[in-house]
Amino acid sequence: MEMVDLAIFDLDGTLVDSKDDLANSVNATLEWLGMPALDLKTVASYVGNGAPVLMRRALGEQASEADVTRALEYFLNHYQAHALDRTRPYPGIPEALERLRREDVLMAVLTNKPVRMSGRILEGLGLRDYFLRLYGGNSFERKKPDPIGVDTLLNELRVERDRAVMVGDSAVDVRTARNAGIRVIGVTYGFQPESFEADPPDEIIDQAEDIPRVIIAERSSSRGA
């Protein structure tokens, strides 16, 4: 991978393991509606396109828009109160971010989760200060995989496309990077590694400790030269 000046991270399934809290809030919503609970793996497979899509998938295609709207409001209120119950950084993430910061790699978060909730999670886990920018699913008129978030970050931070990389756990992140014309690293420890079969990233890694190794390898060799 050529020299990288900007690393753009997804949040859920990439930086933080939030599936328990997401599943608990989804199932609390379903219980409120008198519907059966979903297993953890199913809920995790629904994550990535934002809370409205998550609730649409959880309720099923037979649900009306009014049902989804009502469920979404309940879900967001419940999740707001419980988003940090069990959510934690993946093993190796704090160390990986610290190493990237020492190497002067700029970092940002681009997620489809609402931005205030994303900020609260990053703050609560002590990760917020690593990132120059945080954009969520309600920061722009379109969510990932639309490239608007990446384009905004590149313009604001004055980074060329060939010097940026997306890091994510699903095909949504791969398609976002492809649509924006930047490279992408896929992590297999997250929510949807199976989605890489249809949308392969440029690099695939199995543990967070490898993120800085891949990103700064060329940077280090260039400095050594």
C-alpha atoms as a PDB file:
ATOM      1  CA  MET A   1       0.000   0.000   0.000  1.00  0.00           C
ATOM      2  CA  GLU A   2       1.420   3.361  -1.040  1.00  0.00           C
ATOM      3  CA  MET A   3       2.045   6.098   1.497  1.00  0.00           C
ATOM      4  CA  VAL A   4      -1.093   7.034   3.442  1.00  0.00           C
ATOM      5  CA  ASP A   5      -1.664  10.468   4.972  1.00  0.00           C
ATOM      6  CA  LEU A   6      -5.314   9.961   6.017  1.00  0.00           C
ATOM      7  CA  ALA A   7      -7.026   6.899   7.483  1.00  0.00           C
ATOM      8  CA  ILE A   8     -10.850   7.037   7.544  1.00  0.00           C
ATOM      9  CA  PHE A   9     -12.366   4.557   9.989  1.00  0.00           C
ATOM     10  CA  ASP A  10     -15.803   3.038  10.210  1.00  0.00           C
ATOM     11  CA  LEU A  11     -17.072   2.812  13.808  1.00  0.00           C
ATOM     12  CA  ASP A  12     -19.231  -0.252  14.622  1.00  0.00           C
ATOM     13  CA  GLY A  13     -17.417  -3.478  13.838  1.00  0.00           C
ATOM     14  CA  THR A  14     -14.167  -1.670  13.078  1.00  0.00           C
ATOM     15  CA  LEU A  15     -13.159   0.476  16.040  1.00  0.00           C
ATOM     16  CA  VAL A  16     -15.687  -0.751  18.597  1.00  0.00           C
ATOM     17  CA  ASP A  17     -17.512  -3.991  19.324  1.00  0.00           C
ATOM     18  CA  SER A  18     -21.031  -2.672  19.878  1.00  0.00           C
ATOM     19  CA  LYS A  19     -23.075  -5.667  18.786  1.00  0.00           C
ATOM     20  CA  ASP A  20     -24.328  -6.591  22.269  1.00  0.00           C
ATOM     21  CA  ASP A  21     -25.677  -3.120  22.988  1.00  0.00           C
ATOM     22  CA  LEU A  22     -27.174  -2.818  19.508  1.00  0.00           C
ATOM     23  CA  ALA A  23     -28.833  -6.222  19.776  1.00  0.00           C
ATOM     24  CA  ASN A  24     -30.171  -5.465  23.249  1.00  0.00           C
ATOM     25  CA  SER A  25     -31.732  -2.218  22.043  1.00  0.00           C
ATOM     26  CA  VAL A  26     -33.171  -3.858  18.929  1.00  0.00           C
ATOM     27  CA  ASN A  27     -34.693  -6.637  21.025  1.00  0.00           C
ATOM     28  CA  ALA A  28     -36.030  -4.184  23.602  1.00  0.00           C
ATOM     29  CA  THR A  29     -37.794  -2.450  20.721  1.00  0.00           C
ATOM     30  CA  LEU A  30     -39.178  -5.711  19.363  1.00  0.00           C
ATOM     31  CA  GLU A  31     -40.404  -6.700  22.825  1.00  0.00           C
ATOM     32  CA  TRP A  32     -42.135  -3.305  23.137  1.00  0.00           C
ATOM     33  CA  LEU A  33     -43.874  -4.057  19.843  1.00  0.00           C
ATOM     34  CA  GLY A  34     -44.809  -7.589  20.941  1.00  0.00           C
ATOM     35  CA  MET A  35     -42.453  -9.221  18.424  1.00  0.00           C
ATOM     36  CA  PRO A  36     -39.950 -12.079  18.992  1.00  0.00           C
ATOM     37  CA  ALA A  37     -36.311 -11.314  19.692  1.00  0.00           C
ATOM     38  CA  LEU A  38     -33.525 -11.732  17.145  1.00  0.00           C
ATOM     39  CA  ASP A  39     -30.228 -13.500  17.755  1.00  0.00           C
ATOM     40  CA  LEU A  40     -26.972 -11.572  17.980  1.00  0.00           C
ATOM     41  CA  LYS A  41     -25.613 -12.696  14.618  1.00  0.00           C
ATOM     42  CA  THR A  42     -28.777 -11.639  12.802  1.00  0.00           C
ATOM     43  CA  VAL A  43     -28.759  -8.165  14.333  1.00  0.00           C
ATOM     44  CA  ALA A  44     -25.057  -7.752  13.507  1.00  0.00           C
ATOM     45  CA  SER A  45     -25.788  -8.633   9.873  1.00  0.00           C
ATOM     46  CA  TYR A  46     -28.332  -5.782   9.750  1.00  0.00           C
ATOM     47  CA  VAL A  47     -25.867  -3.119  10.926  1.00  0.00           C
ATOM     48  CA  GLY A  48     -23.996  -0.787   8.587  1.00  0.00           C
ATOM     49  CA  ASN A  49     -26.541   1.249   6.666  1.00  0.00           C
ATOM     50  CA  GLY A  50     -27.846   3.370   9.522  1.00  0.00           C
ATOM     51  CA  ALA A  51     -30.498   3.038  12.225  1.00  0.00           C
ATOM     52  CA  PRO A  52     -33.546   3.408   9.908  1.00  0.00           C
ATOM     53  CA  VAL A  53     -32.366   0.491   7.748  1.00  0.00           C
ATOM     54  CA  LEU A  54     -31.506  -1.523  10.861  1.00  0.00           C
ATOM     55  CA  MET A  55     -35.046  -1.151  12.172  1.00  0.00           C
ATOM     56  CA  ARG A  56     -36.595  -1.835   8.771  1.00  0.00           C
ATOM     57  CA  ARG A  57     -34.671  -5.100   8.574  1.00  0.00           C
ATOM     58  CA  ALA A  58     -35.477  -6.020  12.183  1.00  0.00           C
ATOM     59  CA  LEU A  59     -39.206  -5.465  11.697  1.00  0.00           C
ATOM     60  CA  GLY A  60     -39.359  -7.165   8.306  1.00  0.00           C
ATOM     61  CA  GLU A  61     -40.560  -5.993   4.932  1.00  0.00           C
ATOM     62  CA  GLN A  62     -44.198  -6.341   5.981  1.00  0.00           C
ATOM     63  CA  ALA A  63     -43.864  -3.440   8.446  1.00  0.00           C
ATOM     64  CA  SER A  64     -45.347  -0.103   7.416  1.00  0.00           C
ATOM     65  CA  GLU A  65     -43.365   3.118   7.351  1.00  0.00           C
ATOM     66  CA  ALA A  66     -45.344   4.264  10.378  1.00  0.00           C
ATOM     67  CA  ASP A  67     -44.304   1.113  12.240  1.00  0.00           C
ATOM     68  CA  VAL A  68     -40.655   1.669  11.339  1.00  0.00           C
ATOM     69  CA  THR A  69     -40.784   5.322  12.402  1.00  0.00           C
ATOM     70  CA  ARG A  70     -42.340   4.425  15.748  1.00  0.00           C
ATOM     71  CA  ALA A  71     -39.851   1.618  16.315  1.00  0.00           C
ATOM     72  CA  LEU A  72     -36.917   3.820  15.333  1.00  0.00           C
ATOM     73  CA  GLU A  73     -37.818   6.437  17.921  1.00  0.00           C
ATOM     74  CA  TYR A  74     -38.032   3.814  20.665  1.00  0.00           C
ATOM     75  CA  PHE A  75     -34.806   2.152  19.550  1.00  0.00           C
ATOM     76  CA  LEU A  76     -32.832   5.411  19.488  1.00  0.00           C
ATOM     77  CA  ASN A  77     -34.046   6.406  22.937  1.00  0.00           C
ATOM     78  CA  HIS A  78     -33.187   2.996  24.371  1.00  0.00           C
ATOM     79  CA  TYR A  79     -29.811   2.837  22.640  1.00  0.00           C
ATOM     80  CA  GLN A  80     -28.910   6.348  23.761  1.00  0.00           C
ATOM     81  CA  ALA A  81     -29.261   5.174  27.358  1.00  0.00           C
ATOM     82  CA  HIS A  82     -27.416   1.877  26.859  1.00  0.00           C
ATOM     83  CA  ALA A  83     -24.831   2.508  24.126  1.00  0.00           C
ATOM     84  CA  LEU A  84     -21.918   2.095  26.532  1.00  0.00           C
ATOM     85  CA  ASP A  85     -23.201  -0.798  28.644  1.00  0.00           C
ATOM     86  CA  ARG A  86     -21.029  -3.423  26.951  1.00  0.00           C
ATOM     87  CA  THR A  87     -19.462  -1.632  23.980  1.00  0.00           C
ATOM     88  CA  ARG A  88     -15.675  -1.639  24.039  1.00  0.00           C
ATOM     89  CA  PRO A  89     -12.814  -0.960  21.615  1.00  0.00           C
ATOM     90  CA  TYR A  90     -11.655  -4.091  19.837  1.00  0.00           C
ATOM     91  CA  PRO A  91      -8.433  -5.509  21.299  1.00  0.00           C
ATOM     92  CA  GLY A  92      -5.479  -3.607  19.887  1.00  0.00           C
ATOM     93  CA  ILE A  93      -7.450  -0.583  18.656  1.00  0.00           C
ATOM     94  CA  PRO A  94      -6.155   1.958  21.210  1.00  0.00           C
ATOM     95  CA  GLU A  95      -2.583   0.851  20.547  1.00  0.00           C
ATOM     96  CA  ALA A  96      -3.113   0.950  16.775  1.00  0.00           C
ATOM     97  CA  LEU A  97      -4.509   4.479  16.911  1.00  0.00           C
ATOM     98  CA  GLU A  98      -1.662   5.638  19.140  1.00  0.00           C
ATOM     99  CA  ARG A  99       0.913   4.252  16.739  1.00  0.00           C
ATOM    100  CA  LEU A 100      -0.752   5.934  13.770  1.00  0.00           C
ATOM    101  CA  ARG A 101      -0.805   9.232  15.650  1.00  0.00           C
ATOM    102  CA  ARG A 102       2.918   8.902  16.423  1.00  0.00           C
ATOM    103  CA  GLU A 103       3.496   8.421  12.696  1.00  0.00           C
ATOM    104  CA  ASP A 104       1.543  11.630  11.941  1.00  0.00           C
ATOM    105  CA  VAL A 105      -1.196   9.806  10.046  1.00  0.00           C
ATOM    106  CA  LEU A 106      -4.357  11.926  10.058  1.00  0.00           C
ATOM    107  CA  MET A 107      -7.441  10.042  11.249  1.00  0.00           C
ATOM    108  CA  ALA A 108     -11.193  10.518  10.906  1.00  0.00           C
ATOM    109  CA  VAL A 109     -14.360   8.519  11.569  1.00  0.00           C
ATOM    110  CA  LEU A 110     -17.088   8.131   8.948  1.00  0.00           C
ATOM    111  CA  THR A 111     -20.048   6.087  10.163  1.00  0.00           C
ATOM    112  CA  ASN A 112     -23.726   5.704   9.362  1.00  0.00           C
ATOM    113  CA  LYS A 113     -24.557   5.887  13.081  1.00  0.00           C
ATOM    114  CA  PRO A 114     -25.971   9.287  14.219  1.00  0.00           C
ATOM    115  CA  VAL A 115     -23.084  11.653  14.848  1.00  0.00           C
ATOM    116  CA  ARG A 116     -23.926  12.701  18.421  1.00  0.00           C
ATOM    117  CA  MET A 117     -24.271   9.093  19.535  1.00  0.00           C
ATOM    118  CA  SER A 118     -21.018   8.199  17.776  1.00  0.00           C
ATOM    119  CA  GLY A 119     -19.242  11.035  19.535  1.00  0.00           C
ATOM    120  CA  ARG A 120     -20.611   9.955  22.894  1.00  0.00           C
ATOM    121  CA  ILE A 121     -19.318   6.415  22.371  1.00  0.00           C
ATOM    122  CA  LEU A 122     -15.858   7.577  21.287  1.00  0.00           C
ATOM    123  CA  GLU A 123     -15.666  10.008  24.206  1.00  0.00           C
ATOM    124  CA  GLY A 124     -16.817   7.363  26.671  1.00  0.00           C
ATOM    125  CA  LEU A 125     -14.156   4.935  25.458  1.00  0.00           C
ATOM    126  CA  GLY A 126     -11.374   7.523  25.433  1.00  0.00           C
ATOM    127  CA  LEU A 127     -10.886   7.436  21.660  1.00  0.00           C
ATOM    128  CA  ARG A 128     -12.320  10.754  20.477  1.00  0.00           C
ATOM    129  CA  ASP A 129      -9.073  12.754  20.590  1.00  0.00           C
ATOM    130  CA  TYR A 130      -7.437  10.552  17.977  1.00  0.00           C
ATOM    131  CA  PHE A 131      -9.743  11.835  15.247  1.00  0.00           C
ATOM    132  CA  LEU A 132      -9.633  15.212  13.536  1.00  0.00           C
ATOM    133  CA  ARG A 133     -13.132  14.737  12.169  1.00  0.00           C
ATOM    134  CA  LEU A 134     -16.198  12.666  13.031  1.00  0.00           C
ATOM    135  CA  TYR A 135     -19.069  12.430  10.568  1.00  0.00           C
ATOM    136  CA  GLY A 136     -22.187  10.324  11.063  1.00  0.00           C
ATOM    137  CA  GLY A 137     -25.192   9.137   9.154  1.00  0.00           C
ATOM    138  CA  ASN A 138     -26.992  12.438   9.725  1.00  0.00           C
ATOM    139  CA  SER A 139     -24.014  14.674   8.877  1.00  0.00           C
ATOM    140  CA  PHE A 140     -24.846  14.722   5.159  1.00  0.00           C
ATOM    141  CA  GLU A 141     -27.905  14.296   2.986  1.00  0.00           C
ATOM    142  CA  ARG A 142     -26.671  10.847   1.919  1.00  0.00           C
ATOM    143  CA  LYS A 143     -25.116   7.995   3.896  1.00  0.00           C
ATOM    144  CA  LYS A 144     -22.363   5.546   3.002  1.00  0.00           C
ATOM    145  CA  PRO A 145     -21.773   4.046   0.460  1.00  0.00           C
ATOM    146  CA  ASP A 146     -22.290   7.483  -1.092  1.00  0.00           C
ATOM    147  CA  PRO A 147     -18.848   9.145  -1.331  1.00  0.00           C
ATOM    148  CA  ILE A 148     -19.964  12.535   0.033  1.00  0.00           C
ATOM    149  CA  GLY A 149     -18.412  11.906   3.452  1.00  0.00           C
ATOM    150  CA  VAL A 150     -15.052  10.842   2.046  1.00  0.00           C
ATOM    151  CA  ASP A 151     -15.055  13.726  -0.437  1.00  0.00           C
ATOM    152  CA  THR A 152     -15.718  16.184   2.386  1.00  0.00           C
ATOM    153  CA  LEU A 153     -12.887  14.783   4.494  1.00  0.00           C
ATOM    154  CA  LEU A 154     -10.425  14.895   1.609  1.00  0.00           C
ATOM    155  CA  ASN A 155     -11.326  18.509   0.861  1.00  0.00           C
ATOM    156  CA  GLU A 156     -11.289  19.672   4.476  1.00  0.00           C
ATOM    157  CA  LEU A 157      -8.027  17.942   5.372  1.00  0.00           C
ATOM    158  CA  ARG A 158      -6.406  18.669   1.991  1.00  0.00           C
ATOM    159  CA  VAL A 159      -5.444  15.083   1.248  1.00  0.00           C
ATOM    160  CA  GLU A 160      -5.151  13.628  -2.244  1.00  0.00           C
ATOM    161  CA  ARG A 161      -7.232  10.530  -3.043  1.00  0.00           C
ATOM    162  CA  ASP A 162      -4.196   8.346  -3.582  1.00  0.00           C
ATOM    163  CA  ARG A 163      -2.967   9.233  -0.068  1.00  0.00           C
ATOM    164  CA  ALA A 164      -6.144   8.149   1.761  1.00  0.00           C
ATOM    165  CA  VAL A 165      -7.521   4.789   2.866  1.00  0.00           C
ATOM    166  CA  MET A 166     -10.835   3.600   4.307  1.00  0.00           C
ATOM    167  CA  VAL A 167     -10.815   0.989   7.101  1.00  0.00           C
ATOM    168  CA  GLY A 168     -14.030  -0.958   7.608  1.00  0.00           C
ATOM    169  CA  ASP A 169     -15.655  -4.285   8.347  1.00  0.00           C
ATOM    170  CA  SER A 170     -18.257  -4.602   5.586  1.00  0.00           C
ATOM    171  CA  ALA A 171     -19.080  -4.236   1.926  1.00  0.00           C
ATOM    172  CA  VAL A 172     -20.639  -0.857   2.731  1.00  0.00           C
ATOM    173  CA  ASP A 173     -17.178   0.476   3.541  1.00  0.00           C
ATOM    174  CA  VAL A 174     -15.634  -1.153   0.475  1.00  0.00           C
ATOM    175  CA  ARG A 175     -18.276   0.384  -1.792  1.00  0.00           C
ATOM    176  CA  THR A 176     -17.820   3.754  -0.101  1.00  0.00           C
ATOM    177  CA  ALA A 177     -14.112   3.672  -0.848  1.00  0.00           C
ATOM    178  CA  ARG A 178     -14.649   2.505  -4.421  1.00  0.00           C
ATOM    179  CA  ASN A 179     -17.220   5.254  -5.027  1.00  0.00           C
ATOM    180  CA  ALA A 180     -14.779   7.824  -3.654  1.00  0.00           C
ATOM    181  CA  GLY A 181     -11.771   6.483  -5.550  1.00  0.00           C
ATOM    182  CA  ILE A 182      -9.657   5.635  -2.505  1.00  0.00           C
ATOM    183  CA  ARG A 183      -8.136   2.398  -1.225  1.00  0.00           C
ATOM    184  CA  VAL A 184      -9.743   0.244   1.450  1.00  0.00           C
ATOM    185  CA  ILE A 185      -8.631  -2.145   4.189  1.00  0.00           C
ATOM    186  CA  GLY A 186     -11.139  -4.755   5.355  1.00  0.00           C
ATOM    187  CA  VAL A 187     -11.041  -6.143   8.899  1.00  0.00           C
ATOM    188  CA  THR A 188     -12.323  -9.663   9.447  1.00  0.00           C
ATOM    189  CA  TYR A 189     -12.868  -9.370  13.204  1.00  0.00           C
ATOM    190  CA  GLY A 190     -15.953  -7.173  12.737  1.00  0.00           C
ATOM    191  CA  PHE A 191     -19.636  -7.686  11.996  1.00  0.00           C
ATOM    192  CA  GLN A 192     -19.787  -8.693   8.336  1.00  0.00           C
ATOM    193  CA  PRO A 193     -16.521 -10.187   7.019  1.00  0.00           C
ATOM    194  CA  GLU A 194     -18.556 -12.504   4.771  1.00  0.00           C
ATOM    195  CA  SER A 195     -19.587  -9.476   2.717  1.00  0.00           C
ATOM    196  CA  PHE A 196     -16.006  -9.163   1.448  1.00  0.00           C
ATOM    197  CA  GLU A 197     -16.600 -12.149  -0.824  1.00  0.00           C
ATOM    198  CA  ALA A 198     -18.741 -10.037  -3.134  1.00  0.00           C
ATOM    199  CA  ASP A 199     -16.902  -6.757  -2.476  1.00  0.00           C
ATOM    200  CA  PRO A 200     -13.225  -7.526  -1.811  1.00  0.00           C
ATOM    201  CA  PRO A 201     -11.091  -4.776  -0.242  1.00  0.00           C
ATOM    202  CA  ASP A 202      -7.522  -3.994  -1.307  1.00  0.00           C
ATOM    203  CA  GLU A 203      -6.132  -5.517   1.886  1.00  0.00           C
ATOM    204  CA  ILE A 204      -7.700  -7.866   4.436  1.00  0.00           C
ATOM    205  CA  ILE A 205      -6.433  -8.091   8.005  1.00  0.00           C
ATOM    206  CA  ASP A 206      -7.535 -10.284  10.887  1.00  0.00           C
ATOM    207  CA  GLN A 207      -6.593  -8.238  13.932  1.00  0.00           C
ATOM    208  CA  ALA A 208      -6.475  -4.573  14.852  1.00  0.00           C
ATOM    209  CA  GLU A 209      -2.761  -4.694  15.623  1.00  0.00           C
ATOM    210  CA  ASP A 210      -2.118  -5.092  11.892  1.00  0.00           C
ATOM    211  CA  ILE A 211      -3.857  -1.851  10.875  1.00  0.00           C
ATOM    212  CA  PRO A 212      -0.856   0.437  11.472  1.00  0.00           C
ATOM    213  CA  ARG A 213       1.526  -2.143  10.033  1.00  0.00           C
ATOM    214  CA  VAL A 214      -0.314  -2.048   6.717  1.00  0.00           C
ATOM    215  CA  ILE A 215      -0.841   1.716   6.724  1.00  0.00           C
ATOM    216  CA  ILE A 216       2.648   2.866   7.689  1.00  0.00           C
ATOM    217  CA  ALA A 217       4.803   0.221   6.008  1.00  0.00           C
ATOM    218  CA  GLU A 218       5.494   2.322   2.936  1.00  0.00           C
ATOM    219  CA  ARG A 219       5.754   5.523   4.969  1.00  0.00           C
ATOM    220  CA  SER A 220       8.460   3.983   7.156  1.00  0.00           C
ATOM    221  CA  SER A 221      10.417   2.566   4.225  1.00  0.00           C
ATOM    222  CA  SER A 222      10.285   5.962   2.508  1.00  0.00           C
ATOM    223  CA  ARG A 223      11.686   7.697   5.559  1.00  0.00           C
ATOM    224  CA  GLY A 224      14.404   5.080   5.851  1.00  0.00           C
ATOM    225  CA  ALA A 225      15.453   5.764   2.276  1.00  0.00           C
END
